[in-house]
Amino acid sequence: MLKIYGLKQCSTTQKVKKHLEDQGLTFGEIIDIRDQPPVAKEIAWALDQVDGKYTKILNTSGGLYRELGLKDKLTDMSEESFLALLSEQGMLIKRPLIVGDQVATAGSKVDFLDQIWLSK
């Protein structure tokens, strides 16, 4: 069973979950990313899927991203610091974050999600 982190009331998270369930994947309930952010290891798996590009898993349109001034800080941030920050501040992660045993994805682009999750 896969974990899905997002916002329970978010229609995009719900649509992604339904789409992947329709393809045969099994999920638990949506885990509120604000109250229960993922652990660093899960975020690292998502980062692996996008060749380590921080901006590919960051919610760059969110207020917290702008408030923390991350655009200017990312180039100097170590991966360890980046993962620690995201595991403390789940709202910085693109949603939904879907986590399996060794793989995770961030975001709602169905083509990318299908490529990762349906090829397993």
C-alpha atoms as a PDB file:
ATOM      1  CA  MET A   1       0.000   0.000   0.000  1.00  0.00           C
ATOM      2  CA  LEU A   2       1.285   3.443  -0.954  1.00  0.00           C
ATOM      3  CA  LYS A   3       1.277   6.522   1.257  1.00  0.00           C
ATOM      4  CA  ILE A   4      -0.048   9.772  -0.132  1.00  0.00           C
ATOM      5  CA  TYR A   5       0.792  13.076   1.529  1.00  0.00           C
ATOM      6  CA  GLY A   6      -1.209  16.152   0.653  1.00  0.00           C
ATOM      7  CA  LEU A   7      -4.122  18.204   1.855  1.00  0.00           C
ATOM      8  CA  LYS A   8      -7.296  16.191   2.390  1.00  0.00           C
ATOM      9  CA  GLN A   9      -9.497  18.923   0.942  1.00  0.00           C
ATOM     10  CA  CYS A  10      -7.259  19.516  -2.106  1.00  0.00           C
ATOM     11  CA  SER A  11      -9.062  18.524  -5.296  1.00  0.00           C
ATOM     12  CA  THR A  12      -5.772  17.938  -7.155  1.00  0.00           C
ATOM     13  CA  THR A  13      -4.564  15.458  -4.532  1.00  0.00           C
ATOM     14  CA  GLN A  14      -7.934  13.695  -4.646  1.00  0.00           C
ATOM     15  CA  LYS A  15      -7.882  13.525  -8.471  1.00  0.00           C
ATOM     16  CA  VAL A  16      -4.358  12.069  -8.543  1.00  0.00           C
ATOM     17  CA  LYS A  17      -5.279   9.491  -5.907  1.00  0.00           C
ATOM     18  CA  LYS A  18      -8.413   8.479  -7.820  1.00  0.00           C
ATOM     19  CA  HIS A  19      -6.529   8.280 -11.137  1.00  0.00           C
ATOM     20  CA  LEU A  20      -3.871   5.967  -9.719  1.00  0.00           C
ATOM     21  CA  GLU A  21      -6.451   3.881  -7.834  1.00  0.00           C
ATOM     22  CA  ASP A  22      -8.330   3.462 -11.131  1.00  0.00           C
ATOM     23  CA  GLN A  23      -5.058   2.058 -12.527  1.00  0.00           C
ATOM     24  CA  GLY A  24      -4.942  -0.535  -9.740  1.00  0.00           C
ATOM     25  CA  LEU A  25      -2.718   1.102  -7.124  1.00  0.00           C
ATOM     26  CA  THR A  26      -3.729   0.958  -3.455  1.00  0.00           C
ATOM     27  CA  PHE A  27      -3.482   3.854  -1.005  1.00  0.00           C
ATOM     28  CA  GLY A  28      -4.338   4.535   2.594  1.00  0.00           C
ATOM     29  CA  GLU A  29      -6.015   7.759   3.625  1.00  0.00           C
ATOM     30  CA  ILE A  30      -4.447  11.045   2.553  1.00  0.00           C
ATOM     31  CA  ILE A  31      -1.885  12.051   5.190  1.00  0.00           C
ATOM     32  CA  ASP A  32      -2.045  15.766   5.981  1.00  0.00           C
ATOM     33  CA  ILE A  33       1.381  17.055   4.965  1.00  0.00           C
ATOM     34  CA  ARG A  34       1.100  19.999   7.380  1.00  0.00           C
ATOM     35  CA  ASP A  35       0.547  17.850  10.463  1.00  0.00           C
ATOM     36  CA  GLN A  36       2.612  14.812   9.482  1.00  0.00           C
ATOM     37  CA  PRO A  37       5.358  15.750   7.026  1.00  0.00           C
ATOM     38  CA  PRO A  38       7.257  12.882   5.392  1.00  0.00           C
ATOM     39  CA  VAL A  39      10.633  11.782   6.707  1.00  0.00           C
ATOM     40  CA  ALA A  40      13.839  12.824   4.954  1.00  0.00           C
ATOM     41  CA  LYS A  41      14.352   9.350   3.429  1.00  0.00           C
ATOM     42  CA  GLU A  42      10.976   9.520   1.658  1.00  0.00           C
ATOM     43  CA  ILE A  43      11.734  12.982   0.313  1.00  0.00           C
ATOM     44  CA  ALA A  44      15.152  11.767  -0.874  1.00  0.00           C
ATOM     45  CA  TRP A  45      13.440   9.046  -2.930  1.00  0.00           C
ATOM     46  CA  ALA A  46      11.325  11.705  -4.657  1.00  0.00           C
ATOM     47  CA  LEU A  47      14.452  13.770  -5.268  1.00  0.00           C
ATOM     48  CA  ASP A  48      16.082  10.730  -6.915  1.00  0.00           C
ATOM     49  CA  GLN A  49      13.243  10.560  -9.457  1.00  0.00           C
ATOM     50  CA  VAL A  50      14.082  14.068 -10.705  1.00  0.00           C
ATOM     51  CA  ASP A  51      17.877  13.705 -10.792  1.00  0.00           C
ATOM     52  CA  GLY A  52      18.382  15.665  -7.580  1.00  0.00           C
ATOM     53  CA  LYS A  53      16.832  18.893  -8.870  1.00  0.00           C
ATOM     54  CA  TYR A  54      15.467  20.622  -5.773  1.00  0.00           C
ATOM     55  CA  THR A  55      12.994  22.811  -7.652  1.00  0.00           C
ATOM     56  CA  LYS A  56      11.291  19.747  -9.152  1.00  0.00           C
ATOM     57  CA  ILE A  57       9.899  18.706  -5.769  1.00  0.00           C
ATOM     58  CA  LEU A  58       9.530  22.141  -4.168  1.00  0.00           C
ATOM     59  CA  ASN A  59       6.209  23.945  -3.990  1.00  0.00           C
ATOM     60  CA  THR A  60       7.713  27.091  -5.503  1.00  0.00           C
ATOM     61  CA  SER A  61       4.320  28.781  -5.804  1.00  0.00           C
ATOM     62  CA  GLY A  62       3.590  28.474  -2.092  1.00  0.00           C
ATOM     63  CA  GLY A  63       3.762  31.343   0.366  1.00  0.00           C
ATOM     64  CA  LEU A  64       6.225  29.579   2.667  1.00  0.00           C
ATOM     65  CA  TYR A  65       8.736  29.182  -0.192  1.00  0.00           C
ATOM     66  CA  ARG A  66       8.636  32.946  -0.799  1.00  0.00           C
ATOM     67  CA  GLU A  67       8.555  33.801   2.911  1.00  0.00           C
ATOM     68  CA  LEU A  68      11.754  31.823   3.543  1.00  0.00           C
ATOM     69  CA  GLY A  69      13.462  33.305   0.459  1.00  0.00           C
ATOM     70  CA  LEU A  70      14.420  29.837  -0.762  1.00  0.00           C
ATOM     71  CA  LYS A  71      14.892  30.884  -4.375  1.00  0.00           C
ATOM     72  CA  ASP A  72      18.125  32.616  -3.391  1.00  0.00           C
ATOM     73  CA  LYS A  73      19.244  30.005  -0.852  1.00  0.00           C
ATOM     74  CA  LEU A  74      18.910  26.768  -2.835  1.00  0.00           C
ATOM     75  CA  THR A  75      22.211  26.943  -4.682  1.00  0.00           C
ATOM     76  CA  ASP A  76      24.156  27.013  -1.408  1.00  0.00           C
ATOM     77  CA  MET A  77      21.996  24.491   0.447  1.00  0.00           C
ATOM     78  CA  SER A  78      23.337  20.981   1.004  1.00  0.00           C
ATOM     79  CA  GLU A  79      21.085  18.041   0.229  1.00  0.00           C
ATOM     80  CA  GLU A  80      21.075  17.117   3.918  1.00  0.00           C
ATOM     81  CA  SER A  81      19.867  20.612   4.898  1.00  0.00           C
ATOM     82  CA  PHE A  82      17.301  20.589   2.091  1.00  0.00           C
ATOM     83  CA  LEU A  83      15.852  17.240   3.195  1.00  0.00           C
ATOM     84  CA  ALA A  84      15.789  18.319   6.850  1.00  0.00           C
ATOM     85  CA  LEU A  85      13.934  21.526   5.972  1.00  0.00           C
ATOM     86  CA  LEU A  86      11.312  19.719   3.887  1.00  0.00           C
ATOM     87  CA  SER A  87      10.794  17.034   6.519  1.00  0.00           C
ATOM     88  CA  GLU A  88      10.016  19.812   9.019  1.00  0.00           C
ATOM     89  CA  GLN A  89       8.007  22.026   6.655  1.00  0.00           C
ATOM     90  CA  GLY A  90       5.813  19.731   4.571  1.00  0.00           C
ATOM     91  CA  MET A  91       4.098  22.660   2.859  1.00  0.00           C
ATOM     92  CA  LEU A  92       7.327  23.252   0.929  1.00  0.00           C
ATOM     93  CA  ILE A  93       6.811  19.974  -0.964  1.00  0.00           C
ATOM     94  CA  LYS A  94       4.870  19.752  -4.214  1.00  0.00           C
ATOM     95  CA  ARG A  95       1.679  17.866  -3.632  1.00  0.00           C
ATOM     96  CA  PRO A  96       0.772  15.167  -3.594  1.00  0.00           C
ATOM     97  CA  LEU A  97       3.851  13.302  -2.394  1.00  0.00           C
ATOM     98  CA  ILE A  98       3.345   9.597  -3.078  1.00  0.00           C
ATOM     99  CA  VAL A  99       5.625   7.166  -1.260  1.00  0.00           C
ATOM    100  CA  GLY A 100       6.243   3.482  -1.955  1.00  0.00           C
ATOM    101  CA  ASP A 101       8.799   1.047  -0.550  1.00  0.00           C
ATOM    102  CA  GLN A 102      11.796   2.490  -2.430  1.00  0.00           C
ATOM    103  CA  VAL A 103      10.330   5.215  -4.636  1.00  0.00           C
ATOM    104  CA  ALA A 104       8.476   8.486  -4.141  1.00  0.00           C
ATOM    105  CA  THR A 105       7.122  11.182  -6.447  1.00  0.00           C
ATOM    106  CA  ALA A 106       6.099  14.781  -5.843  1.00  0.00           C
ATOM    107  CA  GLY A 107       3.581  16.654  -7.941  1.00  0.00           C
ATOM    108  CA  SER A 108       0.473  16.062  -9.958  1.00  0.00           C
ATOM    109  CA  LYS A 109       1.663  15.589 -13.556  1.00  0.00           C
ATOM    110  CA  VAL A 110      -0.207  12.445 -14.536  1.00  0.00           C
ATOM    111  CA  ASP A 111       2.192  11.452 -17.344  1.00  0.00           C
ATOM    112  CA  PHE A 112       5.162  11.506 -14.952  1.00  0.00           C
ATOM    113  CA  LEU A 113       3.225   9.663 -12.238  1.00  0.00           C
ATOM    114  CA  ASP A 114       2.090   6.989 -14.693  1.00  0.00           C
ATOM    115  CA  GLN A 115       5.667   6.563 -15.936  1.00  0.00           C
ATOM    116  CA  ILE A 116       6.964   5.970 -12.402  1.00  0.00           C
ATOM    117  CA  TRP A 117       4.102   4.116 -10.719  1.00  0.00           C
ATOM    118  CA  LEU A 118       2.575   2.100 -13.548  1.00  0.00           C
ATOM    119  CA  SER A 119       5.884   0.752 -14.836  1.00  0.00           C
ATOM    120  CA  LYS A 120       6.572  -1.000 -11.521  1.00  0.00           C
END
